[in-house]
Amino acid sequence: MGPVRVNAGAMDEDDFFSSRPQDPLSLLVKQDLGPLSVDELHARISALRGEMERVERHIANVTAHRSAADALFKK
C-alpha cells in the first residue's frame, strides 16, 4: 500500500472519474439505477452513507496523524 496523500484543495468529480475509468467508484456512479427497486435504492443509500462515514473517519485519522508528525518535527 502506498503513502496516503491528503489533498487540501477540492477535486473536480469529472477530473477524478476521467483519470480512473475502471475505478470501482467510477463504475458505481455510472451504474443505471433504473432496474433497482425502491428498497434496493434505500439499501444503496444506507451503504453509501456508511462508506462516507468510514472515509470521513479515515480522513480525520490521517489529518491528526499528519498534524502530530508536523508538530514533532517542528520542535
N, C-alpha and C. Protein backbone atom coordinates (compact mmCIF):
# COMPACT_ATOMS: atom_id res chain seq x y z
N MET A 1 0.84 -1.17 0.00
CA MET A 1 0.00 0.00 0.00
C MET A 1 0.89 1.23 0.00
N GLY A 2 0.59 2.18 -0.85
CA GLY A 2 1.41 3.38 -0.99
C GLY A 2 1.10 4.41 0.07
N PRO A 3 1.80 5.53 0.02
CA PRO A 3 1.58 6.58 1.00
C PRO A 3 0.21 7.20 0.85
N VAL A 4 -0.32 7.66 1.97
CA VAL A 4 -1.62 8.33 1.96
C VAL A 4 -1.39 9.80 1.69
N ARG A 5 -2.11 10.33 0.73
CA ARG A 5 -1.98 11.74 0.39
C ARG A 5 -3.28 12.45 0.73
N VAL A 6 -3.15 13.60 1.37
CA VAL A 6 -4.32 14.40 1.69
C VAL A 6 -4.31 15.59 0.77
N ASN A 7 -5.37 15.76 -0.01
CA ASN A 7 -5.47 16.86 -0.95
C ASN A 7 -6.21 18.00 -0.27
N ALA A 8 -5.53 19.11 -0.06
CA ALA A 8 -6.14 20.25 0.62
C ALA A 8 -7.19 20.93 -0.25
N GLY A 9 -7.04 20.87 -1.55
CA GLY A 9 -7.99 21.51 -2.45
C GLY A 9 -9.09 20.56 -2.87
N ALA A 10 -10.16 21.13 -3.34
CA ALA A 10 -11.27 20.31 -3.82
C ALA A 10 -10.92 19.73 -5.19
N MET A 11 -11.29 18.50 -5.41
CA MET A 11 -11.04 17.85 -6.69
C MET A 11 -12.35 17.81 -7.46
N ASP A 12 -12.29 18.20 -8.69
CA ASP A 12 -13.47 18.16 -9.54
C ASP A 12 -13.82 16.70 -9.82
N GLU A 13 -15.09 16.34 -9.67
CA GLU A 13 -15.51 14.96 -9.88
C GLU A 13 -15.16 14.46 -11.28
N ASP A 14 -15.34 15.30 -12.28
CA ASP A 14 -15.03 14.89 -13.65
C ASP A 14 -13.55 14.54 -13.80
N ASP A 15 -12.68 15.31 -13.14
CA ASP A 15 -11.25 15.02 -13.20
C ASP A 15 -10.95 13.67 -12.56
N PHE A 16 -11.56 13.42 -11.41
CA PHE A 16 -11.32 12.16 -10.70
C PHE A 16 -11.80 10.97 -11.53
N PHE A 17 -13.01 11.04 -12.03
CA PHE A 17 -13.58 9.91 -12.75
C PHE A 17 -12.92 9.69 -14.10
N SER A 18 -12.51 10.75 -14.79
CA SER A 18 -11.88 10.58 -16.10
C SER A 18 -10.48 10.00 -15.97
N SER A 19 -9.81 10.24 -14.84
CA SER A 19 -8.45 9.73 -14.67
C SER A 19 -8.45 8.28 -14.17
N ARG A 20 -9.60 7.78 -13.72
CA ARG A 20 -9.68 6.43 -13.19
C ARG A 20 -10.92 5.72 -13.74
N PRO A 21 -10.98 5.47 -15.03
CA PRO A 21 -12.21 4.94 -15.62
C PRO A 21 -12.63 3.56 -15.10
N GLN A 22 -11.73 2.73 -14.65
CA GLN A 22 -12.09 1.39 -14.16
C GLN A 22 -12.15 1.32 -12.64
N ASP A 23 -11.99 2.45 -11.97
CA ASP A 23 -12.08 2.50 -10.52
C ASP A 23 -13.49 2.11 -10.09
N PRO A 24 -13.64 1.34 -9.02
CA PRO A 24 -14.99 0.94 -8.58
C PRO A 24 -15.93 2.12 -8.34
N LEU A 25 -15.41 3.23 -7.84
CA LEU A 25 -16.26 4.40 -7.62
C LEU A 25 -16.75 4.97 -8.94
N SER A 26 -15.88 5.01 -9.93
CA SER A 26 -16.28 5.49 -11.26
C SER A 26 -17.38 4.61 -11.84
N LEU A 27 -17.23 3.32 -11.69
CA LEU A 27 -18.23 2.39 -12.20
C LEU A 27 -19.54 2.52 -11.42
N LEU A 28 -19.45 2.76 -10.13
CA LEU A 28 -20.64 2.90 -9.29
C LEU A 28 -21.50 4.08 -9.72
N VAL A 29 -20.87 5.23 -9.95
CA VAL A 29 -21.65 6.42 -10.28
C VAL A 29 -22.22 6.36 -11.70
N LYS A 30 -21.71 5.47 -12.51
CA LYS A 30 -22.22 5.32 -13.88
C LYS A 30 -23.29 4.24 -13.98
N GLN A 31 -23.51 3.50 -12.89
CA GLN A 31 -24.47 2.39 -12.91
C GLN A 31 -25.89 2.90 -13.13
N ASP A 32 -26.63 2.20 -13.97
CA ASP A 32 -28.02 2.52 -14.25
C ASP A 32 -28.86 2.17 -13.02
N LEU A 33 -29.55 3.16 -12.47
CA LEU A 33 -30.38 2.94 -11.29
C LEU A 33 -31.78 2.46 -11.66
N GLY A 34 -32.13 2.53 -12.92
CA GLY A 34 -33.47 2.18 -13.38
C GLY A 34 -33.96 0.80 -12.95
N PRO A 35 -33.14 -0.24 -13.08
CA PRO A 35 -33.62 -1.58 -12.73
C PRO A 35 -33.77 -1.83 -11.22
N LEU A 36 -33.27 -0.94 -10.38
CA LEU A 36 -33.30 -1.17 -8.94
C LEU A 36 -34.66 -0.80 -8.35
N SER A 37 -35.09 -1.60 -7.38
CA SER A 37 -36.34 -1.31 -6.68
C SER A 37 -36.11 -0.19 -5.67
N VAL A 38 -37.19 0.35 -5.14
CA VAL A 38 -37.08 1.40 -4.13
C VAL A 38 -36.33 0.87 -2.91
N ASP A 39 -36.62 -0.36 -2.50
CA ASP A 39 -35.91 -0.96 -1.36
C ASP A 39 -34.41 -1.09 -1.65
N GLU A 40 -34.08 -1.48 -2.86
CA GLU A 40 -32.66 -1.60 -3.24
C GLU A 40 -31.99 -0.23 -3.25
N LEU A 41 -32.71 0.79 -3.70
CA LEU A 41 -32.16 2.14 -3.70
C LEU A 41 -31.93 2.64 -2.28
N HIS A 42 -32.87 2.36 -1.37
CA HIS A 42 -32.68 2.75 0.03
C HIS A 42 -31.49 2.00 0.65
N ALA A 43 -31.34 0.74 0.32
CA ALA A 43 -30.21 -0.04 0.82
C ALA A 43 -28.90 0.53 0.28
N ARG A 44 -28.91 0.95 -0.96
CA ARG A 44 -27.72 1.55 -1.58
C ARG A 44 -27.36 2.84 -0.87
N ILE A 45 -28.36 3.68 -0.60
CA ILE A 45 -28.13 4.94 0.11
C ILE A 45 -27.54 4.66 1.49
N SER A 46 -28.09 3.69 2.19
CA SER A 46 -27.59 3.34 3.52
C SER A 46 -26.13 2.89 3.46
N ALA A 47 -25.82 2.04 2.50
CA ALA A 47 -24.44 1.57 2.34
C ALA A 47 -23.50 2.71 2.00
N LEU A 48 -23.93 3.61 1.13
CA LEU A 48 -23.09 4.74 0.73
C LEU A 48 -22.87 5.70 1.90
N ARG A 49 -23.91 5.92 2.71
CA ARG A 49 -23.74 6.77 3.90
C ARG A 49 -22.73 6.16 4.86
N GLY A 50 -22.81 4.85 5.04
CA GLY A 50 -21.84 4.16 5.89
C GLY A 50 -20.43 4.31 5.35
N GLU A 51 -20.29 4.21 4.05
CA GLU A 51 -18.97 4.37 3.43
C GLU A 51 -18.46 5.80 3.58
N MET A 52 -19.36 6.77 3.45
CA MET A 52 -18.96 8.17 3.64
C MET A 52 -18.45 8.39 5.06
N GLU A 53 -19.13 7.82 6.04
CA GLU A 53 -18.68 7.95 7.43
C GLU A 53 -17.32 7.30 7.63
N ARG A 54 -17.11 6.15 7.02
CA ARG A 54 -15.81 5.46 7.13
C ARG A 54 -14.70 6.30 6.52
N VAL A 55 -14.97 6.89 5.36
CA VAL A 55 -13.97 7.74 4.70
C VAL A 55 -13.69 8.99 5.53
N GLU A 56 -14.73 9.59 6.09
CA GLU A 56 -14.55 10.78 6.92
C GLU A 56 -13.72 10.47 8.16
N ARG A 57 -13.94 9.29 8.78
CA ARG A 57 -13.12 8.89 9.93
C ARG A 57 -11.67 8.70 9.51
N HIS A 58 -11.47 8.10 8.35
CA HIS A 58 -10.11 7.88 7.86
C HIS A 58 -9.41 9.22 7.59
N ILE A 59 -10.12 10.15 6.99
CA ILE A 59 -9.55 11.48 6.74
C ILE A 59 -9.16 12.14 8.05
N ALA A 60 -10.04 12.06 9.06
CA ALA A 60 -9.74 12.65 10.36
C ALA A 60 -8.50 12.00 10.98
N ASN A 61 -8.37 10.68 10.87
CA ASN A 61 -7.20 9.99 11.41
C ASN A 61 -5.92 10.38 10.67
N VAL A 62 -6.00 10.45 9.35
CA VAL A 62 -4.83 10.83 8.56
C VAL A 62 -4.41 12.26 8.88
N THR A 63 -5.39 13.15 8.99
CA THR A 63 -5.11 14.55 9.30
C THR A 63 -4.48 14.68 10.68
N ALA A 64 -5.02 13.97 11.66
CA ALA A 64 -4.48 14.02 13.02
C ALA A 64 -3.06 13.46 13.05
N HIS A 65 -2.84 12.37 12.34
CA HIS A 65 -1.51 11.77 12.28
C HIS A 65 -0.51 12.73 11.65
N ARG A 66 -0.94 13.36 10.58
CA ARG A 66 -0.07 14.32 9.89
C ARG A 66 0.24 15.52 10.79
N SER A 67 -0.77 16.02 11.49
CA SER A 67 -0.56 17.15 12.40
C SER A 67 0.40 16.78 13.52
N ALA A 68 0.26 15.57 14.06
CA ALA A 68 1.16 15.11 15.12
C ALA A 68 2.59 15.00 14.59
N ALA A 69 2.74 14.47 13.40
CA ALA A 69 4.08 14.35 12.80
C ALA A 69 4.67 15.72 12.53
N ASP A 70 3.88 16.64 12.01
CA ASP A 70 4.36 18.00 11.76
C ASP A 70 4.81 18.66 13.06
N ALA A 71 4.02 18.50 14.12
CA ALA A 71 4.36 19.10 15.42
C ALA A 71 5.65 18.49 15.96
N LEU A 72 5.83 17.20 15.80
CA LEU A 72 7.02 16.52 16.29
C LEU A 72 8.28 17.03 15.58
N PHE A 73 8.21 17.20 14.29
CA PHE A 73 9.39 17.60 13.53
C PHE A 73 9.65 19.10 13.55
N LYS A 74 8.70 19.90 14.02
CA LYS A 74 8.91 21.34 14.12
C LYS A 74 9.64 21.71 15.40
N LYS A 75 9.75 20.76 16.33
CA LYS A 75 10.42 21.04 17.62
C LYS A 75 11.91 21.10 17.47
